[in-house]
Amino acid sequence: MDATPRRDTATPASTPLPDSLCTHALRCPSADSPDREAARVVASHPEQGWSLLCNGVFLFEDNGELLPDGRAIAPRRHLTVVA
């Protein structure tokens, strides 16, 4: 067995995502737009509770968000009325 450490060819973690992953004919809202949650999902992981939108926003199941610049948007939970 070779003792040489394996080099990963993946992009380094410090490389930022592009401002937008959107390639749609009608561009999705940017990450800075108030309607940013209307962007299309490019990766969905419901088992982990998050989705990546094409504008670079991570949307969590509690409606919290992580913007591409690192800012976090607090969760907005909907109240359920029990009659």
PDB file of N, CA and C in Angstrom:
ATOM      1  N   MET A   1       0.846  -1.170   0.000  1.00  0.00           N
ATOM      2  CA  MET A   1       0.000   0.000   0.000  1.00  0.00           C
ATOM      3  C   MET A   1       0.896   1.239   0.000  1.00  0.00           C
ATOM      4  N   ASP A   2       0.543   2.231  -0.795  1.00  0.00           N
ATOM      5  CA  ASP A   2       1.315   3.459  -0.917  1.00  0.00           C
ATOM      6  C   ASP A   2       1.026   4.368   0.279  1.00  0.00           C
ATOM      7  N   ALA A   3       2.088   4.874   0.936  1.00  0.00           N
ATOM      8  CA  ALA A   3       1.926   5.740   2.100  1.00  0.00           C
ATOM      9  C   ALA A   3       1.804   7.213   1.715  1.00  0.00           C
ATOM     10  N   THR A   4       1.847   7.511   0.416  1.00  0.00           N
ATOM     11  CA  THR A   4       1.732   8.894  -0.035  1.00  0.00           C
ATOM     12  C   THR A   4       0.316   9.398   0.215  1.00  0.00           C
ATOM     13  N   PRO A   5       0.186  10.578   0.858  1.00  0.00           N
ATOM     14  CA  PRO A   5      -1.164  11.097   1.108  1.00  0.00           C
ATOM     15  C   PRO A   5      -1.882  11.403  -0.205  1.00  0.00           C
ATOM     16  N   ARG A   6      -3.147  11.136  -0.221  1.00  0.00           N
ATOM     17  CA  ARG A   6      -3.960  11.371  -1.413  1.00  0.00           C
ATOM     18  C   ARG A   6      -4.302  12.847  -1.517  1.00  0.00           C
ATOM     19  N   ARG A   7      -4.146  13.410  -2.700  1.00  0.00           N
ATOM     20  CA  ARG A   7      -4.511  14.809  -2.922  1.00  0.00           C
ATOM     21  C   ARG A   7      -5.899  14.848  -3.529  1.00  0.00           C
ATOM     22  N   ASP A   8      -6.745  15.669  -2.938  1.00  0.00           N
ATOM     23  CA  ASP A   8      -8.081  15.851  -3.477  1.00  0.00           C
ATOM     24  C   ASP A   8      -8.026  16.804  -4.653  1.00  0.00           C
ATOM     25  N   THR A   9      -8.751  16.490  -5.692  1.00  0.00           N
ATOM     26  CA  THR A   9      -8.801  17.374  -6.846  1.00  0.00           C
ATOM     27  C   THR A   9     -10.007  18.295  -6.780  1.00  0.00           C
ATOM     28  N   ALA A  10     -10.767  18.224  -5.712  1.00  0.00           N
ATOM     29  CA  ALA A  10     -11.958  19.071  -5.557  1.00  0.00           C
ATOM     30  C   ALA A  10     -11.548  20.519  -5.319  1.00  0.00           C
ATOM     31  N   THR A  11     -12.485  21.416  -5.567  1.00  0.00           N
ATOM     32  CA  THR A  11     -12.251  22.835  -5.340  1.00  0.00           C
ATOM     33  C   THR A  11     -12.038  23.076  -3.856  1.00  0.00           C
ATOM     34  N   PRO A  12     -11.068  23.906  -3.483  1.00  0.00           N
ATOM     35  CA  PRO A  12     -10.840  24.191  -2.068  1.00  0.00           C
ATOM     36  C   PRO A  12     -12.068  24.817  -1.424  1.00  0.00           C
ATOM     37  N   ALA A  13     -12.259  24.553  -0.144  1.00  0.00           N
ATOM     38  CA  ALA A  13     -13.424  25.058   0.572  1.00  0.00           C
ATOM     39  C   ALA A  13     -13.443  26.576   0.635  1.00  0.00           C
ATOM     40  N   SER A  14     -12.288  27.224   0.500  1.00  0.00           N
ATOM     41  CA  SER A  14     -12.247  28.675   0.584  1.00  0.00           C
ATOM     42  C   SER A  14     -12.684  29.352  -0.708  1.00  0.00           C
ATOM     43  N   THR A  15     -12.889  28.590  -1.778  1.00  0.00           N
ATOM     44  CA  THR A  15     -13.339  29.174  -3.035  1.00  0.00           C
ATOM     45  C   THR A  15     -14.833  29.444  -2.940  1.00  0.00           C
ATOM     46  N   PRO A  16     -15.243  30.711  -3.088  1.00  0.00           N
ATOM     47  CA  PRO A  16     -16.663  31.034  -2.953  1.00  0.00           C
ATOM     48  C   PRO A  16     -17.478  30.538  -4.136  1.00  0.00           C
ATOM     49  N   LEU A  17     -18.755  30.333  -3.888  1.00  0.00           N
ATOM     50  CA  LEU A  17     -19.674  30.003  -4.971  1.00  0.00           C
ATOM     51  C   LEU A  17     -19.853  31.230  -5.845  1.00  0.00           C
ATOM     52  N   PRO A  18     -20.215  31.052  -7.109  1.00  0.00           N
ATOM     53  CA  PRO A  18     -20.520  32.227  -7.927  1.00  0.00           C
ATOM     54  C   PRO A  18     -21.724  32.953  -7.348  1.00  0.00           C
ATOM     55  N   ASP A  19     -21.881  34.227  -7.715  1.00  0.00           N
ATOM     56  CA  ASP A  19     -23.010  35.004  -7.204  1.00  0.00           C
ATOM     57  C   ASP A  19     -24.339  34.351  -7.520  1.00  0.00           C
ATOM     58  N   SER A  20     -24.408  33.671  -8.645  1.00  0.00           N
ATOM     59  CA  SER A  20     -25.643  33.010  -9.029  1.00  0.00           C
ATOM     60  C   SER A  20     -25.323  31.749  -9.817  1.00  0.00           C
ATOM     61  N   LEU A  21     -26.081  30.702  -9.565  1.00  0.00           N
ATOM     62  CA  LEU A  21     -25.951  29.464 -10.323  1.00  0.00           C
ATOM     63  C   LEU A  21     -27.047  29.401 -11.379  1.00  0.00           C
ATOM     64  N   CYS A  22     -27.809  30.493 -11.506  1.00  0.00           N
ATOM     65  CA  CYS A  22     -28.983  30.540 -12.372  1.00  0.00           C
ATOM     66  C   CYS A  22     -28.590  30.651 -13.835  1.00  0.00           C
ATOM     67  N   THR A  23     -29.089  29.716 -14.626  1.00  0.00           N
ATOM     68  CA  THR A  23     -28.886  29.748 -16.068  1.00  0.00           C
ATOM     69  C   THR A  23     -30.233  29.765 -16.790  1.00  0.00           C
ATOM     70  N   HIS A  24     -31.301  30.110 -16.084  1.00  0.00           N
ATOM     71  CA  HIS A  24     -32.643  30.109 -16.662  1.00  0.00           C
ATOM     72  C   HIS A  24     -32.826  31.303 -17.601  1.00  0.00           C
ATOM     73  N   ALA A  25     -33.694  31.141 -18.608  1.00  0.00           N
ATOM     74  CA  ALA A  25     -33.949  32.208 -19.575  1.00  0.00           C
ATOM     75  C   ALA A  25     -34.484  33.455 -18.864  1.00  0.00           C
ATOM     76  N   LEU A  26     -35.419  33.304 -17.989  1.00  0.00           N
ATOM     77  CA  LEU A  26     -35.858  34.393 -17.120  1.00  0.00           C
ATOM     78  C   LEU A  26     -35.120  34.192 -15.808  1.00  0.00           C
ATOM     79  N   ARG A  27     -34.162  35.073 -15.537  1.00  0.00           N
ATOM     80  CA  ARG A  27     -33.299  34.906 -14.364  1.00  0.00           C
ATOM     81  C   ARG A  27     -34.107  34.886 -13.073  1.00  0.00           C
ATOM     82  N   CYS A  28     -33.696  34.049 -12.159  1.00  0.00           N
ATOM     83  CA  CYS A  28     -34.315  33.979 -10.839  1.00  0.00           C
ATOM     84  C   CYS A  28     -33.883  35.194 -10.022  1.00  0.00           C
ATOM     85  N   PRO A  29     -34.627  35.517  -8.962  1.00  0.00           N
ATOM     86  CA  PRO A  29     -34.247  36.645  -8.112  1.00  0.00           C
ATOM     87  C   PRO A  29     -32.860  36.435  -7.506  1.00  0.00           C
ATOM     88  N   SER A  30     -32.110  37.512  -7.362  1.00  0.00           N
ATOM     89  CA  SER A  30     -30.775  37.424  -6.770  1.00  0.00           C
ATOM     90  C   SER A  30     -30.865  37.146  -5.281  1.00  0.00           C
ATOM     91  N   ALA A  31     -29.746  36.812  -4.681  1.00  0.00           N
ATOM     92  CA  ALA A  31     -29.707  36.530  -3.240  1.00  0.00           C
ATOM     93  C   ALA A  31     -30.010  37.771  -2.415  1.00  0.00           C
ATOM     94  N   ASP A  32     -29.817  38.969  -2.987  1.00  0.00           N
ATOM     95  CA  ASP A  32     -30.099  40.218  -2.272  1.00  0.00           C
ATOM     96  C   ASP A  32     -31.535  40.685  -2.448  1.00  0.00           C
ATOM     97  N   SER A  33     -32.273  40.043  -3.312  1.00  0.00           N
ATOM     98  CA  SER A  33     -33.643  40.442  -3.611  1.00  0.00           C
ATOM     99  C   SER A  33     -34.592  39.997  -2.492  1.00  0.00           C
ATOM    100  N   PRO A  34     -35.642  40.803  -2.204  1.00  0.00           N
ATOM    101  CA  PRO A  34     -36.605  40.400  -1.171  1.00  0.00           C
ATOM    102  C   PRO A  34     -37.336  39.095  -1.497  1.00  0.00           C
ATOM    103  N   ASP A  35     -37.476  38.766  -2.788  1.00  0.00           N
ATOM    104  CA  ASP A  35     -38.155  37.525  -3.172  1.00  0.00           C
ATOM    105  C   ASP A  35     -37.178  36.414  -3.535  1.00  0.00           C
ATOM    106  N   ARG A  36     -36.004  36.407  -2.891  1.00  0.00           N
ATOM    107  CA  ARG A  36     -34.939  35.440  -3.190  1.00  0.00           C
ATOM    108  C   ARG A  36     -35.377  33.992  -3.051  1.00  0.00           C
ATOM    109  N   GLU A  37     -36.385  33.715  -2.217  1.00  0.00           N
ATOM    110  CA  GLU A  37     -36.848  32.335  -2.012  1.00  0.00           C
ATOM    111  C   GLU A  37     -37.597  31.780  -3.223  1.00  0.00           C
ATOM    112  N   ALA A  38     -37.904  32.645  -4.206  1.00  0.00           N
ATOM    113  CA  ALA A  38     -38.608  32.206  -5.409  1.00  0.00           C
ATOM    114  C   ALA A  38     -37.663  31.572  -6.425  1.00  0.00           C
ATOM    115  N   ALA A  39     -36.364  31.590  -6.176  1.00  0.00           N
ATOM    116  CA  ALA A  39     -35.393  30.976  -7.087  1.00  0.00           C
ATOM    117  C   ALA A  39     -35.595  29.463  -7.112  1.00  0.00           C
ATOM    118  N   ARG A  40     -35.186  28.848  -8.202  1.00  0.00           N
ATOM    119  CA  ARG A  40     -35.344  27.391  -8.359  1.00  0.00           C
ATOM    120  C   ARG A  40     -34.359  26.616  -7.486  1.00  0.00           C
ATOM    121  N   VAL A  41     -34.783  25.459  -7.064  1.00  0.00           N
ATOM    122  CA  VAL A  41     -33.944  24.552  -6.270  1.00  0.00           C
ATOM    123  C   VAL A  41     -32.996  23.821  -7.218  1.00  0.00           C
ATOM    124  N   VAL A  42     -31.696  23.845  -6.899  1.00  0.00           N
ATOM    125  CA  VAL A  42     -30.719  23.100  -7.704  1.00  0.00           C
ATOM    126  C   VAL A  42     -30.209  21.865  -6.965  1.00  0.00           C
ATOM    127  N   ALA A  43     -30.358  21.841  -5.643  1.00  0.00           N
ATOM    128  CA  ALA A  43     -29.986  20.661  -4.850  1.00  0.00           C
ATOM    129  C   ALA A  43     -30.921  20.598  -3.655  1.00  0.00           C
ATOM    130  N   SER A  44     -31.539  19.454  -3.456  1.00  0.00           N
ATOM    131  CA  SER A  44     -32.489  19.290  -2.361  1.00  0.00           C
ATOM    132  C   SER A  44     -32.056  18.125  -1.472  1.00  0.00           C
ATOM    133  N   HIS A  45     -31.997  18.378  -0.180  1.00  0.00           N
ATOM    134  CA  HIS A  45     -31.652  17.339   0.791  1.00  0.00           C
ATOM    135  C   HIS A  45     -32.641  17.402   1.950  1.00  0.00           C
ATOM    136  N   PRO A  46     -33.893  16.967   1.708  1.00  0.00           N
ATOM    137  CA  PRO A  46     -34.911  17.037   2.759  1.00  0.00           C
ATOM    138  C   PRO A  46     -34.555  16.200   3.989  1.00  0.00           C
ATOM    139  N   GLU A  47     -33.769  15.141   3.786  1.00  0.00           N
ATOM    140  CA  GLU A  47     -33.371  14.312   4.927  1.00  0.00           C
ATOM    141  C   GLU A  47     -32.440  15.076   5.862  1.00  0.00           C
ATOM    142  N   GLN A  48     -31.784  16.114   5.349  1.00  0.00           N
ATOM    143  CA  GLN A  48     -30.910  16.958   6.157  1.00  0.00           C
ATOM    144  C   GLN A  48     -31.549  18.311   6.458  1.00  0.00           C
ATOM    145  N   GLY A  49     -32.689  18.586   5.834  1.00  0.00           N
ATOM    146  CA  GLY A  49     -33.440  19.799   6.136  1.00  0.00           C
ATOM    147  C   GLY A  49     -33.005  21.047   5.395  1.00  0.00           C
ATOM    148  N   TRP A  50     -32.383  20.905   4.210  1.00  0.00           N
ATOM    149  CA  TRP A  50     -31.964  22.094   3.478  1.00  0.00           C
ATOM    150  C   TRP A  50     -32.032  21.886   1.978  1.00  0.00           C
ATOM    151  N   SER A  51     -32.089  23.014   1.257  1.00  0.00           N
ATOM    152  CA  SER A  51     -32.045  23.033  -0.204  1.00  0.00           C
ATOM    153  C   SER A  51     -31.145  24.184  -0.638  1.00  0.00           C
ATOM    154  N   LEU A  52     -30.485  24.019  -1.777  1.00  0.00           N
ATOM    155  CA  LEU A  52     -29.676  25.067  -2.366  1.00  0.00           C
ATOM    156  C   LEU A  52     -30.443  25.637  -3.542  1.00  0.00           C
ATOM    157  N   LEU A  53     -30.645  26.952  -3.525  1.00  0.00           N
ATOM    158  CA  LEU A  53     -31.342  27.622  -4.615  1.00  0.00           C
ATOM    159  C   LEU A  53     -30.335  28.090  -5.653  1.00  0.00           C
ATOM    160  N   CYS A  54     -30.787  28.330  -6.883  1.00  0.00           N
ATOM    161  CA  CYS A  54     -29.862  28.688  -7.956  1.00  0.00           C
ATOM    162  C   CYS A  54     -29.235  30.063  -7.772  1.00  0.00           C
ATOM    163  N   ASN A  55     -29.712  30.860  -6.834  1.00  0.00           N
ATOM    164  CA  ASN A  55     -29.087  32.153  -6.547  1.00  0.00           C
ATOM    165  C   ASN A  55     -28.040  32.042  -5.438  1.00  0.00           C
ATOM    166  N   GLY A  56     -27.732  30.804  -5.023  1.00  0.00           N
ATOM    167  CA  GLY A  56     -26.693  30.571  -4.025  1.00  0.00           C
ATOM    168  C   GLY A  56     -27.173  30.584  -2.591  1.00  0.00           C
ATOM    169  N   VAL A  57     -28.477  30.735  -2.377  1.00  0.00           N
ATOM    170  CA  VAL A  57     -29.053  30.772  -1.026  1.00  0.00           C
ATOM    171  C   VAL A  57     -29.323  29.347  -0.547  1.00  0.00           C
ATOM    172  N   PHE A  58     -28.910  29.059   0.681  1.00  0.00           N
ATOM    173  CA  PHE A  58     -29.298  27.804   1.328  1.00  0.00           C
ATOM    174  C   PHE A  58     -30.578  28.084   2.096  1.00  0.00           C
ATOM    175  N   LEU A  59     -31.625  27.326   1.800  1.00  0.00           N
ATOM    176  CA  LEU A  59     -32.924  27.480   2.449  1.00  0.00           C
ATOM    177  C   LEU A  59     -33.136  26.266   3.348  1.00  0.00           C
ATOM    178  N   PHE A  60     -33.423  26.526   4.627  1.00  0.00           N
ATOM    179  CA  PHE A  60     -33.604  25.455   5.596  1.00  0.00           C
ATOM    180  C   PHE A  60     -35.078  25.199   5.836  1.00  0.00           C
ATOM    181  N   GLU A  61     -35.411  24.009   6.334  1.00  0.00           N
ATOM    182  CA  GLU A  61     -36.811  23.618   6.495  1.00  0.00           C
ATOM    183  C   GLU A  61     -37.590  24.509   7.449  1.00  0.00           C
ATOM    184  N   ASP A  62     -36.917  25.214   8.349  1.00  0.00           N
ATOM    185  CA  ASP A  62     -37.610  26.132   9.260  1.00  0.00           C
ATOM    186  C   ASP A  62     -37.731  27.533   8.667  1.00  0.00           C
ATOM    187  N   ASN A  63     -37.412  27.660   7.357  1.00  0.00           N
ATOM    188  CA  ASN A  63     -37.431  28.901   6.595  1.00  0.00           C
ATOM    189  C   ASN A  63     -36.282  29.831   6.930  1.00  0.00           C
ATOM    190  N   GLY A  64     -35.307  29.382   7.687  1.00  0.00           N
ATOM    191  CA  GLY A  64     -34.090  30.154   7.869  1.00  0.00           C
ATOM    192  C   GLY A  64     -33.276  30.080   6.588  1.00  0.00           C
ATOM    193  N   GLU A  65     -32.382  31.044   6.397  1.00  0.00           N
ATOM    194  CA  GLU A  65     -31.598  31.098   5.172  1.00  0.00           C
ATOM    195  C   GLU A  65     -30.151  31.428   5.484  1.00  0.00           C
ATOM    196  N   LEU A  66     -29.270  30.956   4.628  1.00  0.00           N
ATOM    197  CA  LEU A  66     -27.868  31.320   4.657  1.00  0.00           C
ATOM    198  C   LEU A  66     -27.549  31.891   3.286  1.00  0.00           C
ATOM    199  N   LEU A  67     -27.179  33.185   3.253  1.00  0.00           N
ATOM    200  CA  LEU A  67     -26.915  33.864   1.994  1.00  0.00           C
ATOM    201  C   LEU A  67     -25.489  33.583   1.535  1.00  0.00           C
ATOM    202  N   PRO A  68     -25.220  33.747   0.249  1.00  0.00           N
ATOM    203  CA  PRO A  68     -23.878  33.447  -0.280  1.00  0.00           C
ATOM    204  C   PRO A  68     -22.758  34.246   0.379  1.00  0.00           C
ATOM    205  N   ASP A  69     -23.065  35.429   0.893  1.00  0.00           N
ATOM    206  CA  ASP A  69     -22.021  36.242   1.534  1.00  0.00           C
ATOM    207  C   ASP A  69     -21.807  35.870   2.997  1.00  0.00           C
ATOM    208  N   GLY A  70     -22.521  34.844   3.477  1.00  0.00           N
ATOM    209  CA  GLY A  70     -22.342  34.358   4.844  1.00  0.00           C
ATOM    210  C   GLY A  70     -23.353  34.900   5.848  1.00  0.00           C
ATOM    211  N   ARG A  71     -24.195  35.856   5.441  1.00  0.00           N
ATOM    212  CA  ARG A  71     -25.214  36.367   6.347  1.00  0.00           C
ATOM    213  C   ARG A  71     -26.281  35.310   6.580  1.00  0.00           C
ATOM    214  N   ALA A  72     -26.793  35.266   7.802  1.00  0.00           N
ATOM    215  CA  ALA A  72     -27.862  34.330   8.149  1.00  0.00           C
ATOM    216  C   ALA A  72     -29.161  35.098   8.330  1.00  0.00           C
ATOM    217  N   ILE A  73     -30.245  34.538   7.843  1.00  0.00           N
ATOM    218  CA  ILE A  73     -31.580  35.093   8.014  1.00  0.00           C
ATOM    219  C   ILE A  73     -32.293  34.176   9.005  1.00  0.00           C
ATOM    220  N   ALA A  74     -32.811  34.768  10.076  1.00  0.00           N
ATOM    221  CA  ALA A  74     -33.456  33.979  11.139  1.00  0.00           C
ATOM    222  C   ALA A  74     -34.665  33.217  10.605  1.00  0.00           C
ATOM    223  N   PRO A  75     -34.940  32.055  11.186  1.00  0.00           N
ATOM    224  CA  PRO A  75     -36.104  31.261  10.775  1.00  0.00           C
ATOM    225  C   PRO A  75     -37.404  32.032  10.986  1.00  0.00           C
ATOM    226  N   ARG A  76     -38.329  31.816  10.076  1.00  0.00           N
ATOM    227  CA  ARG A  76     -39.677  32.373  10.206  1.00  0.00           C
ATOM    228  C   ARG A  76     -40.630  31.197  10.255  1.00  0.00           C
ATOM    229  N   ARG A  77     -40.999  30.837  11.426  1.00  0.00           N
ATOM    230  CA  ARG A  77     -41.867  29.666  11.608  1.00  0.00           C
ATOM    231  C   ARG A  77     -43.323  30.083  11.513  1.00  0.00           C
ATOM    232  N   HIS A  78     -44.115  29.244  10.869  1.00  0.00           N
ATOM    233  CA  HIS A  78     -45.536  29.497  10.763  1.00  0.00           C
ATOM    234  C   HIS A  78     -46.233  28.860  11.959  1.00  0.00           C
ATOM    235  N   LEU A  79     -47.111  29.609  12.575  1.00  0.00           N
ATOM    236  CA  LEU A  79     -47.859  29.084  13.708  1.00  0.00           C
ATOM    237  C   LEU A  79     -49.029  28.246  13.203  1.00  0.00           C
ATOM    238  N   THR A  80     -49.244  27.132  13.847  1.00  0.00           N
ATOM    239  CA  THR A  80     -50.349  26.266  13.497  1.00  0.00           C
ATOM    240  C   THR A  80     -51.460  26.484  14.521  1.00  0.00           C
ATOM    241  N   VAL A  81     -52.650  26.761  14.024  1.00  0.00           N
ATOM    242  CA  VAL A  81     -53.802  26.986  14.894  1.00  0.00           C
ATOM    243  C   VAL A  81     -54.512  25.664  15.072  1.00  0.00           C
ATOM    244  N   VAL A  82     -54.698  25.252  16.312  1.00  0.00           N
ATOM    245  CA  VAL A  82     -55.407  24.012  16.631  1.00  0.00           C
ATOM    246  C   VAL A  82     -56.766  24.392  17.165  1.00  0.00           C
ATOM    247  N   ALA A  83     -57.814  23.886  16.505  1.00  0.00           N
ATOM    248  CA  ALA A  83     -59.184  24.246  16.913  1.00  0.00           C
ATOM    249  C   ALA A  83     -59.761  23.200  17.828  1.00  0.00           C
TER     250      ALA A  83
END
